Amino acid sequence: MSDDDTPHRVVCRLGALLDDRGMTLVQLAVATGITVANLSVLKNGRARAIRFSTLTAVCDALGCTPGDLLDLEPA
């Protein structure tokens, strides 16, 4: 299994945070300067990595911390 195929337990709560704030991916994209396509990959759990600059921009726009955005599923 290559590194890209290795399962991980990190989950992203972007969808829930957007719902809580009544915000769309398009609005978040405008607020962060990150493309809707990249935010969609993150929201739908298909991201294999996230840059700290992206994480910072999303957290700033949503008024949250990385711990609010990312979680670890039990083993």
PDB file of N, CA and C in Angstrom:
ATOM      1  N   MET A   1       0.846  -1.178   0.000  1.00  0.00           N
ATOM      2  CA  MET A   1       0.000   0.000   0.000  1.00  0.00           C
ATOM      3  C   MET A   1       0.893   1.242   0.000  1.00  0.00           C
ATOM      4  N   SER A   2       0.656   2.182  -0.901  1.00  0.00           N
ATOM      5  CA  SER A   2       1.430   3.417  -0.926  1.00  0.00           C
ATOM      6  C   SER A   2       0.898   4.366   0.141  1.00  0.00           C
ATOM      7  N   ASP A   3       1.659   5.431   0.421  1.00  0.00           N
ATOM      8  CA  ASP A   3       1.227   6.402   1.426  1.00  0.00           C
ATOM      9  C   ASP A   3      -0.129   7.007   1.087  1.00  0.00           C
ATOM     10  N   ASP A   4      -0.425   7.187  -0.216  1.00  0.00           N
ATOM     11  CA  ASP A   4      -1.698   7.772  -0.623  1.00  0.00           C
ATOM     12  C   ASP A   4      -2.872   6.829  -0.372  1.00  0.00           C
ATOM     13  N   ASP A   5      -2.600   5.523  -0.291  1.00  0.00           N
ATOM     14  CA  ASP A   5      -3.656   4.539  -0.086  1.00  0.00           C
ATOM     15  C   ASP A   5      -3.848   4.170   1.385  1.00  0.00           C
ATOM     16  N   THR A   6      -2.929   4.598   2.234  1.00  0.00           N
ATOM     17  CA  THR A   6      -2.998   4.256   3.642  1.00  0.00           C
ATOM     18  C   THR A   6      -4.206   4.943   4.272  1.00  0.00           C
ATOM     19  N   PRO A   7      -5.097   4.180   4.888  1.00  0.00           N
ATOM     20  CA  PRO A   7      -6.261   4.805   5.509  1.00  0.00           C
ATOM     21  C   PRO A   7      -5.836   5.676   6.693  1.00  0.00           C
ATOM     22  N   HIS A   8      -6.588   6.720   6.914  1.00  0.00           N
ATOM     23  CA  HIS A   8      -6.324   7.581   8.061  1.00  0.00           C
ATOM     24  C   HIS A   8      -7.618   7.757   8.831  1.00  0.00           C
ATOM     25  N   ARG A   9      -7.512   8.265  10.042  1.00  0.00           N
ATOM     26  CA  ARG A   9      -8.679   8.416  10.902  1.00  0.00           C
ATOM     27  C   ARG A   9      -9.042   9.875  11.134  1.00  0.00           C
ATOM     28  N   VAL A  10      -8.340  10.787  10.470  1.00  0.00           N
ATOM     29  CA  VAL A  10      -8.630  12.207  10.627  1.00  0.00           C
ATOM     30  C   VAL A  10      -9.890  12.536   9.828  1.00  0.00           C
ATOM     31  N   VAL A  11     -10.828  13.200  10.475  1.00  0.00           N
ATOM     32  CA  VAL A  11     -12.059  13.619   9.805  1.00  0.00           C
ATOM     33  C   VAL A  11     -12.188  15.137   9.891  1.00  0.00           C
ATOM     34  N   CYS A  12     -12.795  15.695   8.869  1.00  0.00           N
ATOM     35  CA  CYS A  12     -12.978  17.134   8.790  1.00  0.00           C
ATOM     36  C   CYS A  12     -14.441  17.465   9.038  1.00  0.00           C
ATOM     37  N   ARG A  13     -14.682  18.427   9.897  1.00  0.00           N
ATOM     38  CA  ARG A  13     -16.043  18.834  10.238  1.00  0.00           C
ATOM     39  C   ARG A  13     -16.455  20.120   9.522  1.00  0.00           C
ATOM     40  N   LEU A  14     -15.878  20.384   8.362  1.00  0.00           N
ATOM     41  CA  LEU A  14     -16.155  21.625   7.650  1.00  0.00           C
ATOM     42  C   LEU A  14     -17.643  21.781   7.337  1.00  0.00           C
ATOM     43  N   GLY A  15     -18.284  20.730   6.893  1.00  0.00           N
ATOM     44  CA  GLY A  15     -19.712  20.805   6.574  1.00  0.00           C
ATOM     45  C   GLY A  15     -20.552  21.233   7.762  1.00  0.00           C
ATOM     46  N   ALA A  16     -20.290  20.644   8.908  1.00  0.00           N
ATOM     47  CA  ALA A  16     -21.043  20.983  10.119  1.00  0.00           C
ATOM     48  C   ALA A  16     -20.779  22.427  10.543  1.00  0.00           C
ATOM     49  N   LEU A  17     -19.517  22.856  10.438  1.00  0.00           N
ATOM     50  CA  LEU A  17     -19.196  24.237  10.816  1.00  0.00           C
ATOM     51  C   LEU A  17     -19.872  25.234   9.878  1.00  0.00           C
ATOM     52  N   LEU A  18     -19.898  24.914   8.591  1.00  0.00           N
ATOM     53  CA  LEU A  18     -20.581  25.790   7.636  1.00  0.00           C
ATOM     54  C   LEU A  18     -22.075  25.848   7.953  1.00  0.00           C
ATOM     55  N   ASP A  19     -22.682  24.702   8.219  1.00  0.00           N
ATOM     56  CA  ASP A  19     -24.103  24.654   8.566  1.00  0.00           C
ATOM     57  C   ASP A  19     -24.387  25.481   9.814  1.00  0.00           C
ATOM     58  N   ASP A  20     -23.549  25.331  10.830  1.00  0.00           N
ATOM     59  CA  ASP A  20     -23.732  26.069  12.084  1.00  0.00           C
ATOM     60  C   ASP A  20     -23.701  27.573  11.870  1.00  0.00           C
ATOM     61  N   ARG A  21     -22.921  28.008  10.876  1.00  0.00           N
ATOM     62  CA  ARG A  21     -22.751  29.436  10.632  1.00  0.00           C
ATOM     63  C   ARG A  21     -23.635  29.951   9.491  1.00  0.00           C
ATOM     64  N   GLY A  22     -24.428  29.059   8.904  1.00  0.00           N
ATOM     65  CA  GLY A  22     -25.286  29.449   7.793  1.00  0.00           C
ATOM     66  C   GLY A  22     -24.480  29.955   6.610  1.00  0.00           C
ATOM     67  N   MET A  23     -23.361  29.317   6.360  1.00  0.00           N
ATOM     68  CA  MET A  23     -22.421  29.758   5.331  1.00  0.00           C
ATOM     69  C   MET A  23     -22.292  28.677   4.261  1.00  0.00           C
ATOM     70  N   THR A  24     -22.064  29.096   3.016  1.00  0.00           N
ATOM     71  CA  THR A  24     -21.874  28.144   1.914  1.00  0.00           C
ATOM     72  C   THR A  24     -20.389  28.020   1.590  1.00  0.00           C
ATOM     73  N   LEU A  25     -20.055  27.001   0.816  1.00  0.00           N
ATOM     74  CA  LEU A  25     -18.676  26.853   0.346  1.00  0.00           C
ATOM     75  C   LEU A  25     -18.251  28.059  -0.491  1.00  0.00           C
ATOM     76  N   VAL A  26     -19.174  28.578  -1.290  1.00  0.00           N
ATOM     77  CA  VAL A  26     -18.854  29.748  -2.126  1.00  0.00           C
ATOM     78  C   VAL A  26     -18.516  30.944  -1.239  1.00  0.00           C
ATOM     79  N   GLN A  27     -19.294  31.163  -0.209  1.00  0.00           N
ATOM     80  CA  GLN A  27     -19.006  32.268   0.709  1.00  0.00           C
ATOM     81  C   GLN A  27     -17.670  32.066   1.411  1.00  0.00           C
ATOM     82  N   LEU A  28     -17.381  30.836   1.807  1.00  0.00           N
ATOM     83  CA  LEU A  28     -16.099  30.544   2.451  1.00  0.00           C
ATOM     84  C   LEU A  28     -14.949  30.755   1.471  1.00  0.00           C
ATOM     85  N   ALA A  29     -15.149  30.369   0.221  1.00  0.00           N
ATOM     86  CA  ALA A  29     -14.121  30.566  -0.795  1.00  0.00           C
ATOM     87  C   ALA A  29     -13.800  32.055  -0.967  1.00  0.00           C
ATOM     88  N   VAL A  30     -14.826  32.867  -1.010  1.00  0.00           N
ATOM     89  CA  VAL A  30     -14.628  34.318  -1.143  1.00  0.00           C
ATOM     90  C   VAL A  30     -13.883  34.859   0.082  1.00  0.00           C
ATOM     91  N   ALA A  31     -14.275  34.397   1.263  1.00  0.00           N
ATOM     92  CA  ALA A  31     -13.679  34.882   2.507  1.00  0.00           C
ATOM     93  C   ALA A  31     -12.226  34.462   2.683  1.00  0.00           C
ATOM     94  N   THR A  32     -11.866  33.320   2.097  1.00  0.00           N
ATOM     95  CA  THR A  32     -10.522  32.769   2.318  1.00  0.00           C
ATOM     96  C   THR A  32      -9.581  32.906   1.133  1.00  0.00           C
ATOM     97  N   GLY A  33     -10.149  33.056  -0.061  1.00  0.00           N
ATOM     98  CA  GLY A  33      -9.311  33.044  -1.260  1.00  0.00           C
ATOM     99  C   GLY A  33      -8.931  31.642  -1.696  1.00  0.00           C
ATOM    100  N   ILE A  34      -9.580  30.645  -1.142  1.00  0.00           N
ATOM    101  CA  ILE A  34      -9.343  29.238  -1.490  1.00  0.00           C
ATOM    102  C   ILE A  34     -10.445  28.824  -2.464  1.00  0.00           C
ATOM    103  N   THR A  35     -10.090  28.055  -3.479  1.00  0.00           N
ATOM    104  CA  THR A  35     -11.089  27.687  -4.476  1.00  0.00           C
ATOM    105  C   THR A  35     -12.176  26.801  -3.874  1.00  0.00           C
ATOM    106  N   VAL A  36     -13.367  26.901  -4.461  1.00  0.00           N
ATOM    107  CA  VAL A  36     -14.476  26.051  -4.040  1.00  0.00           C
ATOM    108  C   VAL A  36     -14.097  24.579  -4.211  1.00  0.00           C
ATOM    109  N   ALA A  37     -13.387  24.269  -5.295  1.00  0.00           N
ATOM    110  CA  ALA A  37     -12.986  22.879  -5.540  1.00  0.00           C
ATOM    111  C   ALA A  37     -12.108  22.350  -4.405  1.00  0.00           C
ATOM    112  N   ASN A  38     -11.143  23.137  -3.962  1.00  0.00           N
ATOM    113  CA  ASN A  38     -10.271  22.687  -2.870  1.00  0.00           C
ATOM    114  C   ASN A  38     -11.032  22.581  -1.556  1.00  0.00           C
ATOM    115  N   LEU A  39     -11.924  23.516  -1.298  1.00  0.00           N
ATOM    116  CA  LEU A  39     -12.731  23.437  -0.082  1.00  0.00           C
ATOM    117  C   LEU A  39     -13.667  22.236  -0.122  1.00  0.00           C
ATOM    118  N   SER A  40     -14.177  21.914  -1.295  1.00  0.00           N
ATOM    119  CA  SER A  40     -15.055  20.762  -1.450  1.00  0.00           C
ATOM    120  C   SER A  40     -14.313  19.464  -1.145  1.00  0.00           C
ATOM    121  N   VAL A  41     -13.078  19.357  -1.608  1.00  0.00           N
ATOM    122  CA  VAL A  41     -12.256  18.172  -1.313  1.00  0.00           C
ATOM    123  C   VAL A  41     -12.087  18.020   0.196  1.00  0.00           C
ATOM    124  N   LEU A  42     -11.854  19.127   0.868  1.00  0.00           N
ATOM    125  CA  LEU A  42     -11.697  19.109   2.320  1.00  0.00           C
ATOM    126  C   LEU A  42     -13.021  18.730   2.997  1.00  0.00           C
ATOM    127  N   LYS A  43     -14.092  19.361   2.579  1.00  0.00           N
ATOM    128  CA  LYS A  43     -15.411  19.119   3.181  1.00  0.00           C
ATOM    129  C   LYS A  43     -15.860  17.670   3.017  1.00  0.00           C
ATOM    130  N   ASN A  44     -15.586  17.089   1.870  1.00  0.00           N
ATOM    131  CA  ASN A  44     -16.060  15.737   1.574  1.00  0.00           C
ATOM    132  C   ASN A  44     -15.108  14.633   2.022  1.00  0.00           C
ATOM    133  N   GLY A  45     -14.069  15.000   2.762  1.00  0.00           N
ATOM    134  CA  GLY A  45     -13.173  13.999   3.332  1.00  0.00           C
ATOM    135  C   GLY A  45     -12.215  13.363   2.345  1.00  0.00           C
ATOM    136  N   ARG A  46     -12.000  13.982   1.216  1.00  0.00           N
ATOM    137  CA  ARG A  46     -11.099  13.415   0.214  1.00  0.00           C
ATOM    138  C   ARG A  46      -9.683  13.999   0.297  1.00  0.00           C
ATOM    139  N   ALA A  47      -9.468  14.978   1.171  1.00  0.00           N
ATOM    140  CA  ALA A  47      -8.146  15.604   1.295  1.00  0.00           C
ATOM    141  C   ALA A  47      -7.178  14.641   1.974  1.00  0.00           C
ATOM    142  N   ARG A  48      -5.966  14.597   1.482  1.00  0.00           N
ATOM    143  CA  ARG A  48      -4.919  13.776   2.090  1.00  0.00           C
ATOM    144  C   ARG A  48      -3.936  14.634   2.876  1.00  0.00           C
ATOM    145  N   ALA A  49      -4.026  15.949   2.704  1.00  0.00           N
ATOM    146  CA  ALA A  49      -3.148  16.877   3.408  1.00  0.00           C
ATOM    147  C   ALA A  49      -3.816  18.243   3.405  1.00  0.00           C
ATOM    148  N   ILE A  50      -3.390  19.097   4.323  1.00  0.00           N
ATOM    149  CA  ILE A  50      -3.871  20.468   4.348  1.00  0.00           C
ATOM    150  C   ILE A  50      -2.706  21.366   4.743  1.00  0.00           C
ATOM    151  N   ARG A  51      -2.520  22.420   3.999  1.00  0.00           N
ATOM    152  CA  ARG A  51      -1.457  23.385   4.316  1.00  0.00           C
ATOM    153  C   ARG A  51      -1.864  24.176   5.552  1.00  0.00           C
ATOM    154  N   PHE A  52      -0.872  24.555   6.343  1.00  0.00           N
ATOM    155  CA  PHE A  52      -1.169  25.376   7.511  1.00  0.00           C
ATOM    156  C   PHE A  52      -1.800  26.699   7.100  1.00  0.00           C
ATOM    157  N   SER A  53      -1.401  27.242   5.948  1.00  0.00           N
ATOM    158  CA  SER A  53      -1.985  28.510   5.491  1.00  0.00           C
ATOM    159  C   SER A  53      -3.469  28.327   5.169  1.00  0.00           C
ATOM    160  N   THR A  54      -3.835  27.186   4.605  1.00  0.00           N
ATOM    161  CA  THR A  54      -5.240  26.891   4.325  1.00  0.00           C
ATOM    162  C   THR A  54      -6.005  26.711   5.629  1.00  0.00           C
ATOM    163  N   LEU A  55      -5.444  25.952   6.539  1.00  0.00           N
ATOM    164  CA  LEU A  55      -6.065  25.720   7.835  1.00  0.00           C
ATOM    165  C   LEU A  55      -6.286  27.041   8.571  1.00  0.00           C
ATOM    166  N   THR A  56      -5.287  27.913   8.545  1.00  0.00           N
ATOM    167  CA  THR A  56      -5.387  29.213   9.203  1.00  0.00           C
ATOM    168  C   THR A  56      -6.484  30.056   8.574  1.00  0.00           C
ATOM    169  N   ALA A  57      -6.532  30.096   7.241  1.00  0.00           N
ATOM    170  CA  ALA A  57      -7.537  30.908   6.542  1.00  0.00           C
ATOM    171  C   ALA A  57      -8.951  30.418   6.846  1.00  0.00           C
ATOM    172  N   VAL A  58      -9.149  29.102   6.820  1.00  0.00           N
ATOM    173  CA  VAL A  58     -10.471  28.538   7.101  1.00  0.00           C
ATOM    174  C   VAL A  58     -10.863  28.832   8.545  1.00  0.00           C
ATOM    175  N   CYS A  59      -9.958  28.621   9.473  1.00  0.00           N
ATOM    176  CA  CYS A  59     -10.262  28.877  10.886  1.00  0.00           C
ATOM    177  C   CYS A  59     -10.558  30.356  11.128  1.00  0.00           C
ATOM    178  N   ASP A  60      -9.788  31.245  10.500  1.00  0.00           N
ATOM    179  CA  ASP A  60     -10.054  32.680  10.649  1.00  0.00           C
ATOM    180  C   ASP A  60     -11.439  33.034  10.122  1.00  0.00           C
ATOM    181  N   ALA A  61     -11.798  32.512   8.956  1.00  0.00           N
ATOM    182  CA  ALA A  61     -13.081  32.839   8.340  1.00  0.00           C
ATOM    183  C   ALA A  61     -14.260  32.279   9.134  1.00  0.00           C
ATOM    184  N   LEU A  62     -14.066  31.114   9.754  1.00  0.00           N
ATOM    185  CA  LEU A  62     -15.152  30.469  10.499  1.00  0.00           C
ATOM    186  C   LEU A  62     -15.124  30.790  11.992  1.00  0.00           C
ATOM    187  N   GLY A  63     -14.090  31.488  12.437  1.00  0.00           N
ATOM    188  CA  GLY A  63     -13.975  31.805  13.861  1.00  0.00           C
ATOM    189  C   GLY A  63     -13.845  30.567  14.713  1.00  0.00           C
ATOM    190  N   CYS A  64     -12.996  29.639  14.258  1.00  0.00           N
ATOM    191  CA  CYS A  64     -12.824  28.381  14.978  1.00  0.00           C
ATOM    192  C   CYS A  64     -11.338  28.070  15.137  1.00  0.00           C
ATOM    193  N   THR A  65     -11.055  26.956  15.766  1.00  0.00           N
ATOM    194  CA  THR A  65      -9.682  26.488  15.922  1.00  0.00           C
ATOM    195  C   THR A  65      -9.502  25.216  15.090  1.00  0.00           C
ATOM    196  N   PRO A  66      -8.254  24.803  14.842  1.00  0.00           N
ATOM    197  CA  PRO A  66      -8.049  23.548  14.113  1.00  0.00           C
ATOM    198  C   PRO A  66      -8.740  22.360  14.791  1.00  0.00           C
ATOM    199  N   GLY A  67      -8.809  22.374  16.107  1.00  0.00           N
ATOM    200  CA  GLY A  67      -9.488  21.295  16.834  1.00  0.00           C
ATOM    201  C   GLY A  67     -10.988  21.271  16.607  1.00  0.00           C
ATOM    202  N   ASP A  68     -11.564  22.421  16.271  1.00  0.00           N
ATOM    203  CA  ASP A  68     -12.985  22.469  15.919  1.00  0.00           C
ATOM    204  C   ASP A  68     -13.220  21.896  14.524  1.00  0.00           C
ATOM    205  N   LEU A  69     -12.238  22.065  13.661  1.00  0.00           N
ATOM    206  CA  LEU A  69     -12.354  21.679  12.255  1.00  0.00           C
ATOM    207  C   LEU A  69     -11.994  20.219  12.012  1.00  0.00           C
ATOM    208  N   LEU A  70     -10.974  19.733  12.718  1.00  0.00           N
ATOM    209  CA  LEU A  70     -10.469  18.374  12.502  1.00  0.00           C
ATOM    210  C   LEU A  70     -10.663  17.530  13.748  1.00  0.00           C
ATOM    211  N   ASP A  71     -10.938  16.264  13.532  1.00  0.00           N
ATOM    212  CA  ASP A  71     -11.106  15.327  14.654  1.00  0.00           C
ATOM    213  C   ASP A  71     -10.433  14.014  14.270  1.00  0.00           C
ATOM    214  N   LEU A  72     -10.249  13.157  15.238  1.00  0.00           N
ATOM    215  CA  LEU A  72      -9.636  11.855  15.025  1.00  0.00           C
ATOM    216  C   LEU A  72     -10.643  10.781  15.421  1.00  0.00           C
ATOM    217  N   GLU A  73     -10.995   9.929  14.459  1.00  0.00           N
ATOM    218  CA  GLU A  73     -11.910   8.821  14.752  1.00  0.00           C
ATOM    219  C   GLU A  73     -11.207   7.798  15.630  1.00  0.00           C
ATOM    220  N   PRO A  74     -11.942   7.117  16.482  1.00  0.00           N
ATOM    221  CA  PRO A  74     -11.322   6.075  17.306  1.00  0.00           C
ATOM    222  C   PRO A  74     -10.751   4.950  16.434  1.00  0.00           C
ATOM    223  N   ALA A  75      -9.703   4.336  16.930  1.00  0.00           N
ATOM    224  CA  ALA A  75      -9.067   3.219  16.184  1.00  0.00           C
ATOM    225  C   ALA A  75      -9.971   2.016  16.149  1.00  0.00           C
TER     226      ALA A  75
END
